[in-house]
C-alpha cells in the first residue's frame, strides 16, 4: 500500500508546537500521505491542516472512549503528542487495529501501555517513542556504537535551552518527569533510581562551557541497555542557555553522546559526538515521530509493521535516522576519539 491509498494518520495534539512540526515533518517525508490534525480547538487545528496540506482538521475529546470520532474506522494510525492519562487513544487504536505512537511517557510510566498490549497482543503495533526527542539521541548513539566491539559506558548529555520549552504539553511533561520519580540509570550492571546528589552531573556544552545537569529517565537508557549490554548508561539533562545563545544568536538544542569500550581492533577507546539543531528541540522531536510513523505504515525501511510492542531502535535503521536528521538541519561533529589502552 502506498501513501496515497492510506487512510489519514490521526495526529492528536497536532495543533500544538511540537505536534504541528511533527505533521510538517511527516508531510516532507511523505508528500501524498493523508493527515488529520486533531485537537480540542478546531479552528487552531484547521489552521495547521491548511499549512500542512492534504490534511483535515478534527476535534477530539480524550475523555470519551471513541475520542468523539465515532466508531467508524476512518484513520490509518494514531500518533499522540500529549499525555493521555486515560489511555483512551491507545484503546481506540487497539479497537480499530491501528498503529499507535506514544511520545510522552517516562520509563517509570509505561506499565499501563505494556499491560494493554499484553492483554491484546494481536491488535496493534505500538511504538513507545518516549525517548529524548523521540529517539534522536538513542538512534545516533547506536550508529556510533558500531565502531565498538564491546561497549562499557554510554553517557548522553542533553542541553535544552530554557527559552525552548515548547508549548504547555511539553512543559507539563518536563514538570512531571522531573518531579514524579527518581531518575533511572544503569550503574556497573545494576539498575538504580537516583535523585539529589546522586543524580547530579556536569558536562561540557559544545562550546566547552561546563553546565550543571541531572539524570533524567525517558526511554533511552532502557533501550540502549537492551541493545548494547553496556554496563553503565545514563542520560543527563541540563536546562539553561545553549551555546548559540551565548554567542548572541537564537537558541539551539544540543545532544552530546559519549561512548567508551573496546573497538574492533582491540583498543580501549572513548568517543564524543555532538548533535546540534539551530532551531531547537521541536524539529528533532517532530522528525523522530515522523520517521516512526512512516516505518510503522511500511512507507520506508520495510513492510508495514505487524502487531507488537516496539521502541524506535527496533524499527528504524540508525544510519537512516542520522542521515535524515542531517537532512533536516542537524549538525553532527565528532569532537573526541581517544585511545585509552592499546590492544594487547
Protein backbone atom coordinates (compact mmCIF):
# COMPACT_ATOMS: atom_id res chain seq x y z
CA UNK A 1 0.00 0.00 0.00
CA UNK A 2 1.42 3.39 -0.93
CA UNK A 3 0.99 6.72 0.84
CA UNK A 4 -1.87 7.82 -1.39
CA UNK A 5 -4.06 4.82 -0.54
CA UNK A 6 -3.51 5.04 3.22
CA UNK A 7 -6.23 6.38 5.46
CA UNK A 8 -5.26 9.61 7.26
CA UNK A 9 -2.76 9.50 10.09
CA UNK A 10 -4.53 10.96 13.13
CA UNK A 11 -2.15 13.30 14.94
CA UNK A 12 -3.60 14.09 18.36
CA UNK A 13 -2.08 17.29 19.67
CA UNK A 14 -1.17 18.13 16.08
CA UNK A 15 -2.02 21.80 16.52
CA UNK A 16 0.48 22.21 19.37
CA UNK A 17 4.03 23.50 18.97
CA UNK A 18 5.75 20.14 18.52
CA UNK A 19 2.75 18.30 17.08
CA UNK A 20 2.42 20.81 14.25
CA UNK A 21 6.08 20.40 13.41
CA UNK A 22 5.56 16.64 13.50
CA UNK A 23 2.83 16.98 10.90
CA UNK A 24 5.07 19.14 8.72
CA UNK A 25 7.94 16.67 9.04
CA UNK A 26 5.67 13.78 8.06
CA UNK A 27 4.44 15.78 5.09
CA UNK A 28 8.03 16.43 3.97
CA UNK A 29 8.85 12.73 4.21
CA UNK A 30 5.58 11.58 2.66
CA UNK A 31 4.08 14.27 0.37
CA UNK A 32 0.99 12.23 -0.51
CA UNK A 33 0.08 10.77 2.87
CA UNK A 34 -3.31 11.98 4.19
CA UNK A 35 -3.12 13.54 7.66
CA UNK A 36 -5.76 14.51 10.22
CA UNK A 37 -4.82 17.25 12.71
CA UNK A 38 -6.74 16.57 15.91
CA UNK A 39 -7.19 18.84 18.89
CA UNK A 40 -9.70 20.45 21.20
CA UNK A 41 -9.66 23.74 19.26
CA UNK A 42 -10.98 23.01 15.78
CA UNK A 43 -10.04 26.42 14.38
CA UNK A 44 -6.45 26.03 15.52
CA UNK A 45 -6.31 22.53 14.07
CA UNK A 46 -7.76 23.78 10.78
CA UNK A 47 -5.04 26.43 10.53
CA UNK A 48 -2.31 23.80 10.89
CA UNK A 49 -4.08 21.46 8.47
CA UNK A 50 -4.19 24.19 5.83
CA UNK A 51 -0.46 24.86 6.28
CA UNK A 52 0.44 21.17 6.08
CA UNK A 53 -1.70 20.48 3.02
CA UNK A 54 -3.59 17.28 2.14
CA UNK A 55 -4.81 17.39 5.74
CA UNK A 56 -8.11 17.72 7.56
CA UNK A 57 -8.93 19.08 11.00
CA UNK A 58 -10.94 17.16 13.58
CA UNK A 59 -11.96 17.81 17.18
CA UNK A 60 -11.15 15.13 19.75
CA UNK A 61 -12.24 14.54 23.31
CA UNK A 62 -9.78 12.38 25.23
CA UNK A 63 -12.37 11.74 27.95
CA UNK A 64 -14.51 9.72 25.54
CA UNK A 65 -13.81 6.11 24.58
CA UNK A 66 -14.41 6.92 20.92
CA UNK A 67 -12.46 10.22 21.25
CA UNK A 68 -15.55 11.93 19.92
CA UNK A 69 -14.80 10.45 16.49
CA UNK A 70 -17.50 7.78 16.38
CA UNK A 71 -16.99 4.09 15.72
CA UNK A 72 -16.23 4.26 12.00
CA UNK A 73 -12.66 3.18 11.13
CA UNK A 74 -11.62 6.39 9.39
CA UNK A 75 -7.91 6.55 10.19
CA UNK A 76 -4.74 4.65 9.39
CA UNK A 77 -2.66 5.31 12.52
CA UNK A 78 -2.84 7.23 15.80
CA UNK A 79 0.01 9.49 16.94
CA UNK A 80 -0.28 11.15 20.36
CA UNK A 81 1.71 14.30 21.15
CA UNK A 82 0.05 14.87 24.54
CA UNK A 83 -0.01 12.86 27.75
CA UNK A 84 -3.17 10.76 27.68
CA UNK A 85 -3.72 9.65 31.27
CA UNK A 86 -6.88 7.77 30.29
CA UNK A 87 -5.20 5.75 27.52
CA UNK A 88 -8.38 6.22 25.51
CA UNK A 89 -6.20 6.95 22.49
CA UNK A 90 -4.50 3.56 22.80
CA UNK A 91 -7.80 1.80 23.39
CA UNK A 92 -9.20 3.48 20.26
CA UNK A 93 -6.18 2.34 18.22
CA UNK A 94 -6.42 -1.23 19.50
CA UNK A 95 -10.16 -1.36 18.90
CA UNK A 96 -9.58 -0.49 15.24
CA UNK A 97 -6.28 -2.38 14.86
CA UNK A 98 -4.29 0.79 14.14
CA UNK A 99 -0.58 1.50 14.58
CA UNK A 100 -0.08 3.67 17.66
CA UNK A 101 2.75 6.02 18.66
CA UNK A 102 3.23 7.13 22.28
CA UNK A 103 5.54 10.09 22.91
CA UNK A 104 5.14 11.40 26.45
CA UNK A 105 5.79 8.63 28.99
CA UNK A 106 8.85 8.32 31.20
CA UNK A 107 10.38 4.89 31.71
CA UNK A 108 8.50 4.65 35.02
CA UNK A 109 5.13 5.30 33.34
CA UNK A 110 4.88 2.69 30.60
CA UNK A 111 3.30 -0.14 32.63
CA UNK A 112 -0.31 0.74 31.63
CA UNK A 113 0.62 0.74 27.94
CA UNK A 114 2.54 -2.52 28.29
CA UNK A 115 -0.39 -4.12 30.12
CA UNK A 116 -2.81 -3.07 27.37
CA UNK A 117 -0.55 -4.70 24.80
CA UNK A 118 -0.18 -7.91 26.83
CA UNK A 119 -3.95 -8.14 27.13
CA UNK A 120 -4.47 -7.58 23.37
CA UNK A 121 -1.17 -8.55 21.71
CA UNK A 122 -2.55 -9.12 18.23
CA UNK A 123 -4.40 -5.88 17.70
CA UNK A 124 -1.96 -3.03 17.07
CA UNK A 125 1.71 -2.26 16.57
CA UNK A 126 2.55 0.08 19.46
CA UNK A 127 5.61 2.30 19.21
CA UNK A 128 6.86 3.56 22.57
CA UNK A 129 8.75 6.62 21.35
CA UNK A 130 9.04 8.45 24.66
CA UNK A 131 12.79 8.82 24.23
CA UNK A 132 14.72 12.09 24.35
CA UNK A 133 13.39 13.99 21.34
CA UNK A 134 11.69 10.80 20.11
CA UNK A 135 14.84 8.75 19.64
CA UNK A 136 17.14 11.38 18.17
CA UNK A 137 19.77 10.59 20.79
CA UNK A 138 19.38 6.80 21.02
CA UNK A 139 19.48 6.04 17.29
CA UNK A 140 22.65 8.11 16.60
CA UNK A 141 24.25 6.57 19.69
CA UNK A 142 23.61 3.12 18.24
CA UNK A 143 25.04 4.24 14.91
CA UNK A 144 28.26 5.44 16.55
CA UNK A 145 28.32 2.29 18.68
CA UNK A 146 29.03 0.28 15.53
CA UNK A 147 32.66 1.38 15.89
CA UNK A 148 32.92 -0.73 19.05
CA UNK A 149 33.09 -4.48 19.56
CA UNK A 150 32.04 -4.05 23.20
CA UNK A 151 30.57 -1.02 24.93
CA UNK A 152 31.21 -0.44 28.62
CA UNK A 153 29.77 3.03 29.19
CA UNK A 154 27.28 5.31 27.45
CA UNK A 155 26.52 8.83 28.61
CA UNK A 156 24.06 11.04 26.73
CA UNK A 157 24.05 14.67 27.81
CA UNK A 158 21.26 16.90 26.54
CA UNK A 159 21.11 20.67 26.79
CA UNK A 160 17.63 22.12 26.38
CA UNK A 161 17.65 25.88 26.13
CA UNK A 162 15.42 27.44 28.77
CA UNK A 163 13.79 29.54 26.02
CA UNK A 164 12.91 26.37 24.11
CA UNK A 165 10.49 24.57 26.39
CA UNK A 166 7.83 24.37 23.69
CA UNK A 167 4.10 24.52 24.39
CA UNK A 168 2.05 23.72 27.50
CA UNK A 169 2.07 19.96 26.86
CA UNK A 170 5.87 19.85 26.67
CA UNK A 171 6.18 21.96 29.81
CA UNK A 172 3.79 19.64 31.65
CA UNK A 173 5.80 16.60 30.54
CA UNK A 174 9.02 18.16 31.80
CA UNK A 175 7.47 19.04 35.16
CA UNK A 176 6.03 15.56 35.61
CA UNK A 177 9.10 13.64 34.51
CA UNK A 178 11.48 15.64 36.68
CA UNK A 179 9.40 15.64 39.88
CA UNK A 180 7.25 12.49 39.92
CA UNK A 181 10.03 9.95 40.33
CA UNK A 182 13.75 9.45 40.71
CA UNK A 183 15.77 9.02 37.53
CA UNK A 184 16.66 5.55 36.26
CA UNK A 185 20.28 4.76 35.41
CA UNK A 186 22.34 1.64 34.81
CA UNK A 187 25.36 1.71 37.12
CA UNK A 188 28.01 -1.01 36.79
CA UNK A 189 25.43 -3.51 35.61
CA UNK A 190 22.80 -2.69 38.23
CA UNK A 191 19.60 -0.72 37.70
CA UNK A 192 19.29 2.18 40.14
CA UNK A 193 16.91 5.05 40.77
CA UNK A 194 18.75 8.23 41.77
CA UNK A 195 17.83 11.71 42.88
CA UNK A 196 19.55 14.68 44.53
CA UNK A 197 23.33 14.46 44.71
CA UNK A 198 23.42 11.01 43.09
CA UNK A 199 21.54 12.36 40.08
CA UNK A 200 23.68 15.50 39.75
CA UNK A 201 26.16 15.75 36.88
CA UNK A 202 28.10 18.24 34.79
CA UNK A 203 29.13 18.14 31.16
CA UNK A 204 30.78 20.38 28.58
CA UNK A 205 28.47 22.14 26.17
CA UNK A 206 29.51 22.20 22.51
CA UNK A 207 31.45 25.44 23.11
CA UNK A 208 33.28 23.99 26.11
CA UNK A 209 31.20 25.72 28.79
CA UNK A 210 30.61 23.38 31.72
CA UNK A 211 26.91 23.16 32.61
CA UNK A 212 25.12 21.54 35.53
CA UNK A 213 22.76 18.70 34.74
CA UNK A 214 20.80 15.90 36.38
CA UNK A 215 19.93 12.34 35.44
CA UNK A 216 16.68 12.10 33.51
CA UNK A 217 14.76 8.99 32.52
CA UNK A 218 12.91 8.93 29.27
CA UNK A 219 13.15 5.59 27.48
CA UNK A 220 16.70 5.99 26.11
CA UNK A 221 18.55 4.27 28.95
CA UNK A 222 16.47 1.11 28.87
CA UNK A 223 16.60 0.91 25.06
CA UNK A 224 20.37 1.37 24.97
CA UNK A 225 20.84 -1.22 27.71
CA UNK A 226 18.87 -3.81 25.79
CA UNK A 227 20.64 -3.00 22.52
CA UNK A 228 24.25 -2.84 23.71
CA UNK A 229 24.70 -4.65 27.04
CA UNK A 230 26.84 -1.73 28.23
CA UNK A 231 27.49 -1.86 31.99
CA UNK A 232 26.82 1.82 32.74
CA UNK A 233 24.32 4.06 30.97
CA UNK A 234 22.74 7.36 31.89
CA UNK A 235 21.09 10.35 30.29
CA UNK A 236 21.76 13.73 31.89
CA UNK A 237 19.70 16.76 31.03
CA UNK A 238 20.51 20.44 31.55
CA UNK A 239 18.00 23.26 31.21
CA UNK A 240 19.81 26.52 30.54
CA UNK A 241 21.50 28.69 27.94
CA UNK A 242 22.66 26.93 24.77
CA UNK A 243 25.99 27.70 23.13
CA UNK A 244 24.34 29.55 20.26
CA UNK A 245 22.55 31.90 22.63
CA UNK A 246 25.80 32.55 24.48
CA UNK A 247 27.10 33.76 21.11
CA UNK A 248 24.18 36.18 20.83
CA UNK A 249 22.21 34.03 18.39
CA UNK A 250 18.86 32.24 18.68
CA UNK A 251 18.54 29.20 20.94
CA UNK A 252 19.58 25.76 19.74
CA UNK A 253 19.41 22.29 21.25
CA UNK A 254 22.43 20.10 21.95
CA UNK A 255 23.00 16.36 22.37
CA UNK A 256 26.38 15.00 23.42
CA UNK A 257 26.97 11.26 23.03
CA UNK A 258 29.97 9.74 24.83
CA UNK A 259 30.85 6.09 24.30
CA UNK A 260 33.57 4.04 25.94
CA UNK A 261 34.57 0.46 25.25
CA UNK A 262 36.64 -1.85 23.11
CA UNK A 263 36.93 -1.15 19.41
CA UNK A 264 37.09 -3.85 16.76
CA UNK A 265 40.90 -3.65 16.67
CA UNK A 266 41.07 -4.48 20.38
CA UNK A 267 41.95 -0.98 21.61
CA UNK A 268 40.08 0.57 24.51
CA UNK A 269 38.71 3.95 23.43
CA UNK A 270 36.39 6.82 24.26
CA UNK A 271 34.49 8.92 21.70
CA UNK A 272 32.37 12.05 21.87
CA UNK A 273 29.88 13.08 19.21
CA UNK A 274 27.80 16.26 19.23
CA UNK A 275 24.45 16.89 17.57
CA UNK A 276 23.06 20.43 17.36
CA UNK A 277 19.89 21.72 15.77
CA UNK A 278 19.97 25.51 15.32
CA UNK A 279 16.17 25.75 15.68
CA UNK A 280 15.87 23.90 18.97
CA UNK A 281 14.27 20.68 20.12
CA UNK A 282 10.93 20.71 18.29
CA UNK A 283 12.24 19.89 14.77
CA UNK A 284 14.21 16.93 16.11
CA UNK A 285 11.24 15.55 18.05
CA UNK A 286 8.99 16.08 15.05
CA UNK A 287 11.31 14.18 12.74
CA UNK A 288 11.72 11.32 15.20
CA UNK A 289 7.97 10.79 15.35
CA UNK A 290 7.54 11.18 11.60
CA UNK A 291 10.17 8.52 10.94
CA UNK A 292 8.36 6.19 13.32
CA UNK A 293 5.05 6.72 11.53
CA UNK A 294 6.41 6.06 8.05
CA UNK A 295 8.15 2.91 9.31
CA UNK A 296 5.00 1.60 11.04
CA UNK A 297 2.99 2.08 7.86
CA UNK A 298 5.61 0.40 5.67
CA UNK A 299 6.39 3.59 3.74
CA UNK A 300 10.14 3.36 4.44
CA UNK A 301 12.54 0.72 5.72
CA UNK A 302 10.41 -2.35 5.11
CA UNK A 303 6.89 -3.70 5.11
CA UNK A 304 4.15 -2.41 7.41
CA UNK A 305 4.86 -3.43 10.99
CA UNK A 306 2.85 -6.29 12.47
CA UNK A 307 1.14 -6.01 15.89
CA UNK A 308 3.61 -5.89 18.75
CA UNK A 309 5.38 -3.62 21.21
CA UNK A 310 8.29 -1.64 19.81
CA UNK A 311 10.79 1.11 20.53
CA UNK A 312 12.32 3.23 17.72
CA UNK A 313 15.61 1.31 17.77
CA UNK A 314 13.75 -1.91 16.95
CA UNK A 315 12.22 -0.46 13.79
CA UNK A 316 14.46 2.26 12.35
CA UNK A 317 17.96 1.81 10.98
CA UNK A 318 20.28 4.11 12.98
CA UNK A 319 22.17 5.19 9.85
CA UNK A 320 18.91 6.18 8.15
CA UNK A 321 17.80 8.15 11.21
CA UNK A 322 21.13 10.00 11.37
CA UNK A 323 21.03 10.80 7.64
CA UNK A 324 17.50 12.18 7.96
CA UNK A 325 18.48 14.24 11.00
CA UNK A 326 21.24 15.84 8.95
CA UNK A 327 18.86 16.41 6.04
CA UNK A 328 16.52 18.21 8.46
CA UNK A 329 19.26 20.56 9.69
CA UNK A 330 21.07 18.72 12.50
CA UNK A 331 24.79 19.46 12.64
CA UNK A 332 26.88 16.43 13.61
CA UNK A 333 30.50 16.56 14.78
CA UNK A 334 32.94 14.11 16.34
CA UNK A 335 34.94 16.05 18.92
CA UNK A 336 36.84 13.26 20.61
CA UNK A 337 38.27 9.86 19.71
CA UNK A 338 40.80 8.92 22.38
CA UNK A 339 42.62 5.63 22.71
CA UNK A 340 42.62 4.71 26.40
CA UNK A 341 44.58 1.46 26.15
CA UNK A 342 46.30 -0.24 23.24
CA UNK A 343 45.45 -3.75 22.21
CA UNK A 344 47.42 -6.48 23.93
